Amino acid sequence: MLNKYARAFFTRVLTPFAAFLLRRGVSPDAVTLIGTAGVVAGALVFFPRGEFFWGTITITLFVFSDLVDGNMARQAGVSSRWGAFLDSTLDRVADAAIFGGLALWYAGGGNHDVLCAVSIFCLASGQVVSYTKARGESIGLPVAVNGLIERAERLVITLVAAGLSGLQTFGVPSWIGALLPIALWVVAAGSLVTLIQRVVTVRREAAEADAAAAEGGVV
């Protein structure tokens, strides 16, 4: 739901900026690559050191490239399978960097093995959730379900909590640091539910498709 409505809103807001980049000769692929590099740098430079506020600010500035590049491609009339593939692939890289950076913090200075494991689970489950839809569609199934927590929800929940937790650096009471662990547990649970929803949907759709093919063969 968040992905549907937030994407539509920010697409309208960022359209003038996308047009500006096109006039300057910037390509959509370049924006995709720069945006991913910025997210990865923000996550892997700041998060492992516990600098959640500045890490979140950096990531947020670059994560909007995911909306800008597609907008640019549509305006320029150059939308392509390659662009869609590159965008989707680098989204996975960016997500891995974010949760990997958090896992590194909890494995090191954060000193919390359970939260390190939860961060790794968020990383892995997010990848698998995306894979289930892509794989289901590749074998001709509609995969007509989004699920409880998609990529947009995973990022918003995690980054908002991380950014707020980082305010401890500016003298905000330490209790605010509890928001990030809570967010990670929410994302982990939501991702598991979403994975189950998609697997069940693909199993049902596959059974229906196989039954329809069998009936067609009999006829």
C-alpha atoms as a PDB file:
ATOM      1  CA  MET A   1       0.000   0.000   0.000  1.00  0.00           C
ATOM      2  CA  LEU A   2       2.769   2.427   0.958  1.00  0.00           C
ATOM      3  CA  ASN A   3       4.619   1.567  -2.230  1.00  0.00           C
ATOM      4  CA  LYS A   4       1.538   2.373  -4.333  1.00  0.00           C
ATOM      5  CA  TYR A   5       0.564   5.739  -2.840  1.00  0.00           C
ATOM      6  CA  ALA A   6       3.975   7.071  -1.756  1.00  0.00           C
ATOM      7  CA  ARG A   7       5.507   6.272  -5.142  1.00  0.00           C
ATOM      8  CA  ALA A   8       2.726   8.138  -6.954  1.00  0.00           C
ATOM      9  CA  PHE A   9       3.154  11.186  -4.695  1.00  0.00           C
ATOM     10  CA  PHE A  10       6.936  11.401  -4.927  1.00  0.00           C
ATOM     11  CA  THR A  11       6.869  10.739  -8.652  1.00  0.00           C
ATOM     12  CA  ARG A  12       4.826  13.917  -9.114  1.00  0.00           C
ATOM     13  CA  VAL A  13       7.091  15.877  -6.767  1.00  0.00           C
ATOM     14  CA  LEU A  14      10.313  14.706  -8.433  1.00  0.00           C
ATOM     15  CA  THR A  15       9.181  15.094 -12.046  1.00  0.00           C
ATOM     16  CA  PRO A  16      10.664  18.612 -12.441  1.00  0.00           C
ATOM     17  CA  PHE A  17      14.001  17.419 -11.020  1.00  0.00           C
ATOM     18  CA  ALA A  18      14.002  14.444 -13.396  1.00  0.00           C
ATOM     19  CA  ALA A  19      13.357  16.796 -16.319  1.00  0.00           C
ATOM     20  CA  PHE A  20      16.220  19.021 -15.157  1.00  0.00           C
ATOM     21  CA  LEU A  21      18.660  16.098 -15.142  1.00  0.00           C
ATOM     22  CA  LEU A  22      17.577  15.080 -18.634  1.00  0.00           C
ATOM     23  CA  ARG A  23      18.212  18.593 -19.923  1.00  0.00           C
ATOM     24  CA  ARG A  24      21.725  18.345 -18.479  1.00  0.00           C
ATOM     25  CA  GLY A  25      22.368  15.129 -20.383  1.00  0.00           C
ATOM     26  CA  VAL A  26      22.268  12.793 -17.379  1.00  0.00           C
ATOM     27  CA  SER A  27      21.055   9.280 -18.222  1.00  0.00           C
ATOM     28  CA  PRO A  28      18.597   7.261 -16.109  1.00  0.00           C
ATOM     29  CA  ASP A  29      21.178   4.462 -15.729  1.00  0.00           C
ATOM     30  CA  ALA A  30      23.701   6.951 -14.333  1.00  0.00           C
ATOM     31  CA  VAL A  31      21.183   8.078 -11.717  1.00  0.00           C
ATOM     32  CA  THR A  32      20.503   4.443 -10.794  1.00  0.00           C
ATOM     33  CA  LEU A  33      24.204   3.716 -10.330  1.00  0.00           C
ATOM     34  CA  ILE A  34      24.952   6.915  -8.390  1.00  0.00           C
ATOM     35  CA  GLY A  35      21.922   6.445  -6.163  1.00  0.00           C
ATOM     36  CA  THR A  36      22.880   2.887  -5.292  1.00  0.00           C
ATOM     37  CA  ALA A  37      26.488   3.882  -4.627  1.00  0.00           C
ATOM     38  CA  GLY A  38      25.275   6.612  -2.263  1.00  0.00           C
ATOM     39  CA  VAL A  39      22.978   4.266  -0.356  1.00  0.00           C
ATOM     40  CA  VAL A  40      25.703   1.630  -0.033  1.00  0.00           C
ATOM     41  CA  ALA A  41      28.241   4.202   1.144  1.00  0.00           C
ATOM     42  CA  GLY A  42      25.822   5.712   3.670  1.00  0.00           C
ATOM     43  CA  ALA A  43      24.894   2.309   5.067  1.00  0.00           C
ATOM     44  CA  LEU A  44      28.355   0.767   5.237  1.00  0.00           C
ATOM     45  CA  VAL A  45      30.256   3.866   6.383  1.00  0.00           C
ATOM     46  CA  PHE A  46      27.887   5.154   9.082  1.00  0.00           C
ATOM     47  CA  PHE A  47      25.769   2.234  10.332  1.00  0.00           C
ATOM     48  CA  PRO A  48      28.627  -0.086  11.427  1.00  0.00           C
ATOM     49  CA  ARG A  49      29.913   2.766  13.613  1.00  0.00           C
ATOM     50  CA  GLY A  50      26.518   3.373  15.199  1.00  0.00           C
ATOM     51  CA  GLU A  51      26.076   6.747  13.466  1.00  0.00           C
ATOM     52  CA  PHE A  52      22.465   6.092  12.602  1.00  0.00           C
ATOM     53  CA  PHE A  53      21.300   9.683  12.163  1.00  0.00           C
ATOM     54  CA  TRP A  54      23.854  10.689   9.549  1.00  0.00           C
ATOM     55  CA  GLY A  55      23.666   7.299   7.907  1.00  0.00           C
ATOM     56  CA  THR A  56      19.909   7.658   7.523  1.00  0.00           C
ATOM     57  CA  ILE A  57      20.213  11.196   6.153  1.00  0.00           C
ATOM     58  CA  THR A  58      22.750  10.047   3.559  1.00  0.00           C
ATOM     59  CA  ILE A  59      20.718   6.997   2.541  1.00  0.00           C
ATOM     60  CA  THR A  60      17.487   8.997   2.291  1.00  0.00           C
ATOM     61  CA  LEU A  61      19.096  11.568  -0.008  1.00  0.00           C
ATOM     62  CA  PHE A  62      20.159   8.856  -2.424  1.00  0.00           C
ATOM     63  CA  VAL A  63      17.267   6.402  -2.102  1.00  0.00           C
ATOM     64  CA  PHE A  64      14.989   8.752  -4.072  1.00  0.00           C
ATOM     65  CA  SER A  65      17.055   7.936  -7.152  1.00  0.00           C
ATOM     66  CA  ASP A  66      14.866   4.833  -7.366  1.00  0.00           C
ATOM     67  CA  LEU A  67      11.979   7.134  -8.296  1.00  0.00           C
ATOM     68  CA  VAL A  68      13.956   9.644 -10.335  1.00  0.00           C
ATOM     69  CA  ASP A  69      15.541   7.165 -12.776  1.00  0.00           C
ATOM     70  CA  GLY A  70      12.232   5.605 -13.808  1.00  0.00           C
ATOM     71  CA  ASN A  71      10.662   9.035 -14.131  1.00  0.00           C
ATOM     72  CA  MET A  72      13.523  10.133 -16.380  1.00  0.00           C
ATOM     73  CA  ALA A  73      13.212   7.038 -18.554  1.00  0.00           C
ATOM     74  CA  ARG A  74       9.487   7.624 -19.074  1.00  0.00           C
ATOM     75  CA  GLN A  75       9.950  11.312 -19.885  1.00  0.00           C
ATOM     76  CA  ALA A  76      12.727  10.526 -22.361  1.00  0.00           C
ATOM     77  CA  GLY A  77      10.807   7.607 -23.842  1.00  0.00           C
ATOM     78  CA  VAL A  78      13.703   5.246 -23.228  1.00  0.00           C
ATOM     79  CA  SER A  79      12.130   2.775 -20.804  1.00  0.00           C
ATOM     80  CA  SER A  80      13.687  -0.606 -21.454  1.00  0.00           C
ATOM     81  CA  ARG A  81      13.999  -4.130 -20.123  1.00  0.00           C
ATOM     82  CA  TRP A  82      17.653  -3.426 -19.355  1.00  0.00           C
ATOM     83  CA  GLY A  83      16.758  -0.372 -17.267  1.00  0.00           C
ATOM     84  CA  ALA A  84      14.142  -2.316 -15.327  1.00  0.00           C
ATOM     85  CA  PHE A  85      16.608  -5.157 -14.748  1.00  0.00           C
ATOM     86  CA  LEU A  86      19.379  -2.810 -13.590  1.00  0.00           C
ATOM     87  CA  ASP A  87      17.051  -0.926 -11.263  1.00  0.00           C
ATOM     88  CA  SER A  88      15.676  -4.091  -9.673  1.00  0.00           C
ATOM     89  CA  THR A  89      19.107  -5.660  -9.283  1.00  0.00           C
ATOM     90  CA  LEU A  90      20.638  -2.592  -7.644  1.00  0.00           C
ATOM     91  CA  ASP A  91      17.641  -2.279  -5.319  1.00  0.00           C
ATOM     92  CA  ARG A  92      18.676  -5.641  -3.888  1.00  0.00           C
ATOM     93  CA  VAL A  93      22.249  -4.384  -3.468  1.00  0.00           C
ATOM     94  CA  ALA A  94      21.058  -1.271  -1.628  1.00  0.00           C
ATOM     95  CA  ASP A  95      18.780  -3.252   0.681  1.00  0.00           C
ATOM     96  CA  ALA A  96      21.580  -5.681   1.496  1.00  0.00           C
ATOM     97  CA  ALA A  97      23.896  -2.788   2.384  1.00  0.00           C
ATOM     98  CA  ILE A  98      21.359  -1.237   4.760  1.00  0.00           C
ATOM     99  CA  PHE A  99      20.631  -4.375   6.751  1.00  0.00           C
ATOM    100  CA  GLY A 100      24.230  -5.547   6.403  1.00  0.00           C
ATOM    101  CA  GLY A 101      25.414  -2.280   7.939  1.00  0.00           C
ATOM    102  CA  LEU A 102      23.051  -2.766  10.874  1.00  0.00           C
ATOM    103  CA  ALA A 103      24.201  -6.364  11.297  1.00  0.00           C
ATOM    104  CA  LEU A 104      27.824  -5.169  11.387  1.00  0.00           C
ATOM    105  CA  TRP A 105      26.953  -2.689  14.136  1.00  0.00           C
ATOM    106  CA  TYR A 106      25.288  -5.300  16.310  1.00  0.00           C
ATOM    107  CA  ALA A 107      28.111  -7.752  15.654  1.00  0.00           C
ATOM    108  CA  GLY A 108      30.639  -5.116  16.724  1.00  0.00           C
ATOM    109  CA  GLY A 109      30.081  -1.993  18.774  1.00  0.00           C
ATOM    110  CA  GLY A 110      26.398  -2.712  19.306  1.00  0.00           C
ATOM    111  CA  ASN A 111      27.350  -6.037  20.907  1.00  0.00           C
ATOM    112  CA  HIS A 112      24.000  -7.794  20.476  1.00  0.00           C
ATOM    113  CA  ASP A 113      24.088 -11.193  18.793  1.00  0.00           C
ATOM    114  CA  VAL A 114      20.293 -11.569  18.646  1.00  0.00           C
ATOM    115  CA  LEU A 115      19.764  -8.242  16.895  1.00  0.00           C
ATOM    116  CA  CYS A 116      22.655  -9.067  14.574  1.00  0.00           C
ATOM    117  CA  ALA A 117      20.793 -12.258  13.638  1.00  0.00           C
ATOM    118  CA  VAL A 118      17.507 -10.352  13.227  1.00  0.00           C
ATOM    119  CA  SER A 119      19.225  -7.848  10.909  1.00  0.00           C
ATOM    120  CA  ILE A 120      20.613 -10.704   8.818  1.00  0.00           C
ATOM    121  CA  PHE A 121      17.154 -12.284   8.698  1.00  0.00           C
ATOM    122  CA  CYS A 122      15.692  -8.958   7.482  1.00  0.00           C
ATOM    123  CA  LEU A 123      18.366  -8.861   4.783  1.00  0.00           C
ATOM    124  CA  ALA A 124      17.772 -12.439   3.639  1.00  0.00           C
ATOM    125  CA  SER A 125      13.979 -12.425   3.876  1.00  0.00           C
ATOM    126  CA  GLY A 126      13.755  -9.175   1.908  1.00  0.00           C
ATOM    127  CA  GLN A 127      15.774 -10.738  -0.900  1.00  0.00           C
ATOM    128  CA  VAL A 128      13.653 -13.895  -0.894  1.00  0.00           C
ATOM    129  CA  VAL A 129      10.378 -11.951  -0.820  1.00  0.00           C
ATOM    130  CA  SER A 130      11.450 -10.136  -3.982  1.00  0.00           C
ATOM    131  CA  TYR A 131      12.666 -13.374  -5.556  1.00  0.00           C
ATOM    132  CA  THR A 132       9.373 -15.208  -5.009  1.00  0.00           C
ATOM    133  CA  LYS A 133       7.459 -12.626  -7.029  1.00  0.00           C
ATOM    134  CA  ALA A 134      10.080 -12.422  -9.772  1.00  0.00           C
ATOM    135  CA  ARG A 135      10.369 -16.199 -10.022  1.00  0.00           C
ATOM    136  CA  GLY A 136       6.604 -16.719 -10.006  1.00  0.00           C
ATOM    137  CA  GLU A 137       6.152 -14.189 -12.785  1.00  0.00           C
ATOM    138  CA  SER A 138       8.992 -15.762 -14.781  1.00  0.00           C
ATOM    139  CA  ILE A 139       7.059 -19.047 -14.967  1.00  0.00           C
ATOM    140  CA  GLY A 140       3.933 -17.280 -16.176  1.00  0.00           C
ATOM    141  CA  LEU A 141       2.030 -16.761 -12.930  1.00  0.00           C
ATOM    142  CA  PRO A 142       0.479 -13.401 -11.976  1.00  0.00           C
ATOM    143  CA  VAL A 143       1.506 -13.633  -8.276  1.00  0.00           C
ATOM    144  CA  ALA A 144      -1.551 -11.542  -7.474  1.00  0.00           C
ATOM    145  CA  VAL A 145      -0.573 -10.556  -3.937  1.00  0.00           C
ATOM    146  CA  ASN A 146       1.669  -7.858  -2.530  1.00  0.00           C
ATOM    147  CA  GLY A 147       1.880  -8.943   1.077  1.00  0.00           C
ATOM    148  CA  LEU A 148       2.076  -7.256   4.440  1.00  0.00           C
ATOM    149  CA  ILE A 149       5.501  -5.604   4.124  1.00  0.00           C
ATOM    150  CA  GLU A 150       7.035  -4.818   0.754  1.00  0.00           C
ATOM    151  CA  ARG A 151      10.297  -3.012   0.029  1.00  0.00           C
ATOM    152  CA  ALA A 152       8.897   0.472   0.652  1.00  0.00           C
ATOM    153  CA  GLU A 153       7.570  -0.510   4.067  1.00  0.00           C
ATOM    154  CA  ARG A 154      10.824  -2.263   4.992  1.00  0.00           C
ATOM    155  CA  LEU A 155      12.871   0.809   4.153  1.00  0.00           C
ATOM    156  CA  VAL A 156      10.578   3.386   5.742  1.00  0.00           C
ATOM    157  CA  ILE A 157      10.169   1.480   9.012  1.00  0.00           C
ATOM    158  CA  THR A 158      13.877   0.739   9.313  1.00  0.00           C
ATOM    159  CA  LEU A 159      15.221   4.127   8.249  1.00  0.00           C
ATOM    160  CA  VAL A 160      12.779   6.175  10.333  1.00  0.00           C
ATOM    161  CA  ALA A 161      13.624   4.108  13.408  1.00  0.00           C
ATOM    162  CA  ALA A 162      17.363   4.271  12.695  1.00  0.00           C
ATOM    163  CA  GLY A 163      17.267   8.027  12.173  1.00  0.00           C
ATOM    164  CA  LEU A 164      15.325   8.622  15.379  1.00  0.00           C
ATOM    165  CA  SER A 165      17.618   6.279  17.320  1.00  0.00           C
ATOM    166  CA  GLY A 166      20.556   8.316  16.076  1.00  0.00           C
ATOM    167  CA  LEU A 167      19.182  11.428  17.787  1.00  0.00           C
ATOM    168  CA  GLN A 168      20.803  10.170  20.984  1.00  0.00           C
ATOM    169  CA  THR A 169      23.932  11.813  19.626  1.00  0.00           C
ATOM    170  CA  PHE A 170      22.216  15.193  20.031  1.00  0.00           C
ATOM    171  CA  GLY A 171      21.166  14.619  23.627  1.00  0.00           C
ATOM    172  CA  VAL A 172      17.772  12.995  23.119  1.00  0.00           C
ATOM    173  CA  PRO A 173      17.001  10.545  26.001  1.00  0.00           C
ATOM    174  CA  SER A 174      18.470   7.079  25.490  1.00  0.00           C
ATOM    175  CA  TRP A 175      15.072   5.363  25.412  1.00  0.00           C
ATOM    176  CA  ILE A 176      14.689   6.460  21.800  1.00  0.00           C
ATOM    177  CA  GLY A 177      17.396   3.947  20.929  1.00  0.00           C
ATOM    178  CA  ALA A 178      14.853   1.175  21.527  1.00  0.00           C
ATOM    179  CA  LEU A 179      13.010   2.161  18.350  1.00  0.00           C
ATOM    180  CA  LEU A 180      15.526   0.514  16.031  1.00  0.00           C
ATOM    181  CA  PRO A 181      15.421  -2.958  17.664  1.00  0.00           C
ATOM    182  CA  ILE A 182      11.606  -2.780  17.671  1.00  0.00           C
ATOM    183  CA  ALA A 183      11.598  -1.806  14.002  1.00  0.00           C
ATOM    184  CA  LEU A 184      13.904  -4.688  13.082  1.00  0.00           C
ATOM    185  CA  TRP A 185      11.646  -7.192  14.826  1.00  0.00           C
ATOM    186  CA  VAL A 186       8.591  -5.700  13.069  1.00  0.00           C
ATOM    187  CA  VAL A 187      10.296  -5.880   9.674  1.00  0.00           C
ATOM    188  CA  ALA A 188      11.490  -9.435  10.318  1.00  0.00           C
ATOM    189  CA  ALA A 189       8.012 -10.621  11.330  1.00  0.00           C
ATOM    190  CA  GLY A 190       6.310  -8.726   8.511  1.00  0.00           C
ATOM    191  CA  SER A 191       8.749 -10.072   5.940  1.00  0.00           C
ATOM    192  CA  LEU A 192       8.095 -13.622   7.122  1.00  0.00           C
ATOM    193  CA  VAL A 193       4.338 -13.113   6.817  1.00  0.00           C
ATOM    194  CA  THR A 194       4.785 -11.584   3.351  1.00  0.00           C
ATOM    195  CA  LEU A 195       6.964 -14.498   2.251  1.00  0.00           C
ATOM    196  CA  ILE A 196       4.355 -16.990   3.400  1.00  0.00           C
ATOM    197  CA  GLN A 197       1.599 -15.012   1.627  1.00  0.00           C
ATOM    198  CA  ARG A 198       3.509 -15.054  -1.648  1.00  0.00           C
ATOM    199  CA  VAL A 199       4.484 -18.724  -1.427  1.00  0.00           C
ATOM    200  CA  VAL A 200       0.871 -19.716  -0.715  1.00  0.00           C
ATOM    201  CA  THR A 201      -0.326 -17.541  -3.607  1.00  0.00           C
ATOM    202  CA  VAL A 202       2.189 -19.030  -6.056  1.00  0.00           C
ATOM    203  CA  ARG A 203       1.280 -22.564  -4.947  1.00  0.00           C
ATOM    204  CA  ARG A 204      -2.425 -21.859  -5.541  1.00  0.00           C
ATOM    205  CA  GLU A 205      -1.868 -20.153  -8.884  1.00  0.00           C
ATOM    206  CA  ALA A 206       0.478 -22.918 -10.037  1.00  0.00           C
ATOM    207  CA  ALA A 207      -2.087 -25.588  -9.126  1.00  0.00           C
ATOM    208  CA  GLU A 208      -4.809 -23.693 -10.995  1.00  0.00           C
ATOM    209  CA  ALA A 209      -2.574 -23.243 -14.055  1.00  0.00           C
ATOM    210  CA  ASP A 210      -1.579 -26.924 -14.067  1.00  0.00           C
ATOM    211  CA  ALA A 211      -5.226 -27.982 -13.726  1.00  0.00           C
ATOM    212  CA  ALA A 212      -6.251 -25.702 -16.591  1.00  0.00           C
ATOM    213  CA  ALA A 213      -3.436 -27.077 -18.769  1.00  0.00           C
ATOM    214  CA  ALA A 214      -4.472 -30.654 -17.972  1.00  0.00           C
ATOM    215  CA  GLU A 215      -8.072 -29.946 -18.898  1.00  0.00           C
ATOM    216  CA  GLY A 216      -6.956 -28.342 -22.127  1.00  0.00           C
ATOM    217  CA  GLY A 217      -4.894 -31.422 -22.942  1.00  0.00           C
ATOM    218  CA  VAL A 218      -7.815 -33.730 -22.324  1.00  0.00           C
ATOM    219  CA  VAL A 219     -10.067 -31.686 -24.566  1.00  0.00           C
END
